[in-house]
Amino acid sequence: MKKNKIIFWVATTIIFIWEGVMPALTSQTELAKEGISHLGYPAYFGVMLTVYKVLGSLAIILPMVPAKIKEWAYAGLSFTLLSAFISHWAIDGFNAQTPFPLFILAILIVSYVYYNKLKEPVTHGKVSFA
């Protein structure tokens, strides 16, 4: 159980920093605005995306958030990462940076898997329907 908690918290902290803290601190820089524009999205999309990423990352890292909200947050963050991969590939072709969102998605999946392992009831060999 301790190993599962460590894996969950390491993966979730990485996601929180990458998808929550960094966008909150850098989304209004010229480089970030240029990146959104380069992909063909309007400026307001970058602001909206940042708000959703920050809220989603807060939802998965804060223990008091209900499980249903966490599930939606994991789904939303997954959609943003898959969309980032597709957008970069469509505009820039496949290069060294294109698969990076998939790497972050893999960390998000680790967080999700271990979140579910931690919330499963311990049965000690008995069948549980909880």
Protein backbone atom coordinates (compact mmCIF):
# COMPACT_ATOMS: atom_id res chain seq x y z
CA MET A 1 0.00 0.00 0.00
CA LYS A 2 2.84 2.40 0.80
CA LYS A 3 4.43 1.81 -2.63
CA ASN A 4 1.09 2.57 -4.30
CA LYS A 5 0.75 5.84 -2.37
CA ILE A 6 4.28 6.92 -3.32
CA ILE A 7 3.71 6.16 -7.00
CA PHE A 8 0.35 7.96 -6.94
CA TRP A 9 1.70 11.08 -5.23
CA VAL A 10 4.82 11.33 -7.41
CA ALA A 11 2.82 10.98 -10.64
CA THR A 12 0.04 13.29 -9.43
CA THR A 13 2.51 15.94 -8.27
CA ILE A 14 4.23 15.91 -11.67
CA ILE A 15 0.84 16.37 -13.35
CA PHE A 16 -0.13 19.12 -10.91
CA ILE A 17 3.10 21.03 -11.61
CA TRP A 18 3.05 20.46 -15.39
CA GLU A 19 -0.68 20.91 -16.05
CA GLY A 20 -1.60 23.29 -13.21
CA VAL A 21 1.25 25.38 -11.87
CA MET A 22 3.21 25.93 -15.08
CA PRO A 23 0.22 27.02 -17.21
CA ALA A 24 -0.94 29.33 -14.42
CA LEU A 25 2.48 31.00 -14.34
CA THR A 26 3.27 31.08 -18.06
CA SER A 27 0.01 31.21 -20.02
CA GLN A 28 0.13 34.95 -20.57
CA THR A 29 3.72 35.11 -21.80
CA GLU A 30 4.34 36.05 -25.41
CA LEU A 31 5.77 32.59 -26.11
CA ALA A 32 2.59 30.87 -24.86
CA LYS A 33 0.34 33.26 -26.80
CA GLU A 34 2.43 32.69 -29.93
CA GLY A 35 2.18 28.92 -29.43
CA ILE A 36 -1.63 29.02 -29.28
CA SER A 37 -1.74 31.30 -32.32
CA HIS A 38 0.72 29.09 -34.23
CA LEU A 39 -1.65 26.14 -33.81
CA GLY A 40 -4.49 28.20 -35.28
CA TYR A 41 -6.46 28.72 -32.08
CA PRO A 42 -7.89 32.10 -31.03
CA ALA A 43 -6.33 33.89 -28.04
CA TYR A 44 -9.28 33.22 -25.75
CA PHE A 45 -8.74 29.47 -26.20
CA GLY A 46 -5.41 29.71 -24.36
CA VAL A 47 -7.07 31.43 -21.40
CA MET A 48 -9.90 28.90 -21.32
CA LEU A 49 -7.47 25.98 -21.59
CA THR A 50 -5.37 27.34 -18.73
CA VAL A 51 -8.41 27.68 -16.45
CA TYR A 52 -9.50 24.12 -17.21
CA LYS A 53 -5.99 22.71 -16.70
CA VAL A 54 -5.57 24.48 -13.36
CA LEU A 55 -9.01 23.37 -12.12
CA GLY A 56 -8.43 19.80 -13.35
CA SER A 57 -5.03 19.50 -11.74
CA LEU A 58 -6.39 20.91 -8.47
CA ALA A 59 -9.23 18.38 -8.61
CA ILE A 60 -6.90 15.42 -8.90
CA ILE A 61 -4.43 16.53 -6.24
CA LEU A 62 -6.82 17.73 -3.51
CA PRO A 63 -7.97 14.76 -1.39
CA MET A 64 -11.33 16.32 -0.44
CA VAL A 65 -12.57 16.50 -4.04
CA PRO A 66 -15.33 13.91 -4.68
CA ALA A 67 -14.42 10.85 -6.77
CA LYS A 68 -16.83 11.72 -9.62
CA ILE A 69 -15.20 15.15 -10.04
CA LYS A 70 -11.75 13.52 -10.06
CA GLU A 71 -12.89 11.11 -12.79
CA TRP A 72 -14.04 14.05 -14.95
CA ALA A 73 -10.78 15.90 -14.25
CA TYR A 74 -8.72 12.91 -15.36
CA ALA A 75 -10.83 12.64 -18.51
CA GLY A 76 -10.56 16.36 -19.28
CA LEU A 77 -6.80 16.43 -18.81
CA SER A 78 -6.52 13.34 -21.02
CA PHE A 79 -8.50 15.08 -23.77
CA THR A 80 -6.29 18.17 -23.60
CA LEU A 81 -3.11 16.10 -23.86
CA LEU A 82 -4.41 14.00 -26.76
CA SER A 83 -5.59 17.19 -28.48
CA ALA A 84 -2.18 18.81 -27.97
CA PHE A 85 -0.48 15.82 -29.59
CA ILE A 86 -2.88 15.89 -32.56
CA SER A 87 -2.65 19.68 -32.96
CA HIS A 88 1.14 19.70 -32.98
CA TRP A 89 1.30 16.77 -35.38
CA ALA A 90 -1.25 18.37 -37.74
CA ILE A 91 0.52 21.73 -37.83
CA ASP A 92 4.21 20.90 -37.41
CA GLY A 93 4.36 17.29 -38.54
CA PHE A 94 5.99 14.61 -36.47
CA ASN A 95 9.18 15.87 -34.86
CA ALA A 96 11.00 15.44 -31.53
CA GLN A 97 8.49 17.57 -29.59
CA THR A 98 5.29 16.12 -31.06
CA PRO A 99 5.03 13.04 -28.78
CA PHE A 100 5.78 15.01 -25.59
CA PRO A 101 2.07 15.39 -24.64
CA LEU A 102 1.82 11.58 -24.84
CA PHE A 103 4.64 11.30 -22.31
CA ILE A 104 2.70 13.56 -19.93
CA LEU A 105 -0.45 11.54 -20.70
CA ALA A 106 1.41 8.37 -19.66
CA ILE A 107 2.21 9.98 -16.29
CA LEU A 108 -1.45 11.02 -15.98
CA ILE A 109 -2.49 7.41 -16.66
CA VAL A 110 -0.13 6.20 -13.91
CA SER A 111 -1.74 8.71 -11.54
CA TYR A 112 -5.22 7.50 -12.53
CA VAL A 113 -4.39 3.80 -12.17
CA TYR A 114 -2.87 4.31 -8.73
CA TYR A 115 -5.71 6.62 -7.67
CA ASN A 116 -8.07 3.73 -8.37
CA LYS A 117 -5.82 1.22 -6.61
CA LEU A 118 -5.81 3.41 -3.50
CA LYS A 119 -9.58 3.86 -3.42
CA GLU A 120 -10.33 0.12 -3.76
CA PRO A 121 -11.40 -1.40 -0.46
CA VAL A 122 -8.97 -3.83 1.14
CA THR A 123 -10.67 -7.22 1.28
CA HIS A 124 -7.97 -9.54 2.71
CA GLY A 125 -8.98 -12.37 0.40
CA LYS A 126 -12.72 -11.86 0.78
CA VAL A 127 -15.05 -10.80 -2.01
CA SER A 128 -16.13 -7.18 -1.67
CA PHE A 129 -18.95 -5.51 -3.53
CA ALA A 130 -18.24 -2.01 -2.22
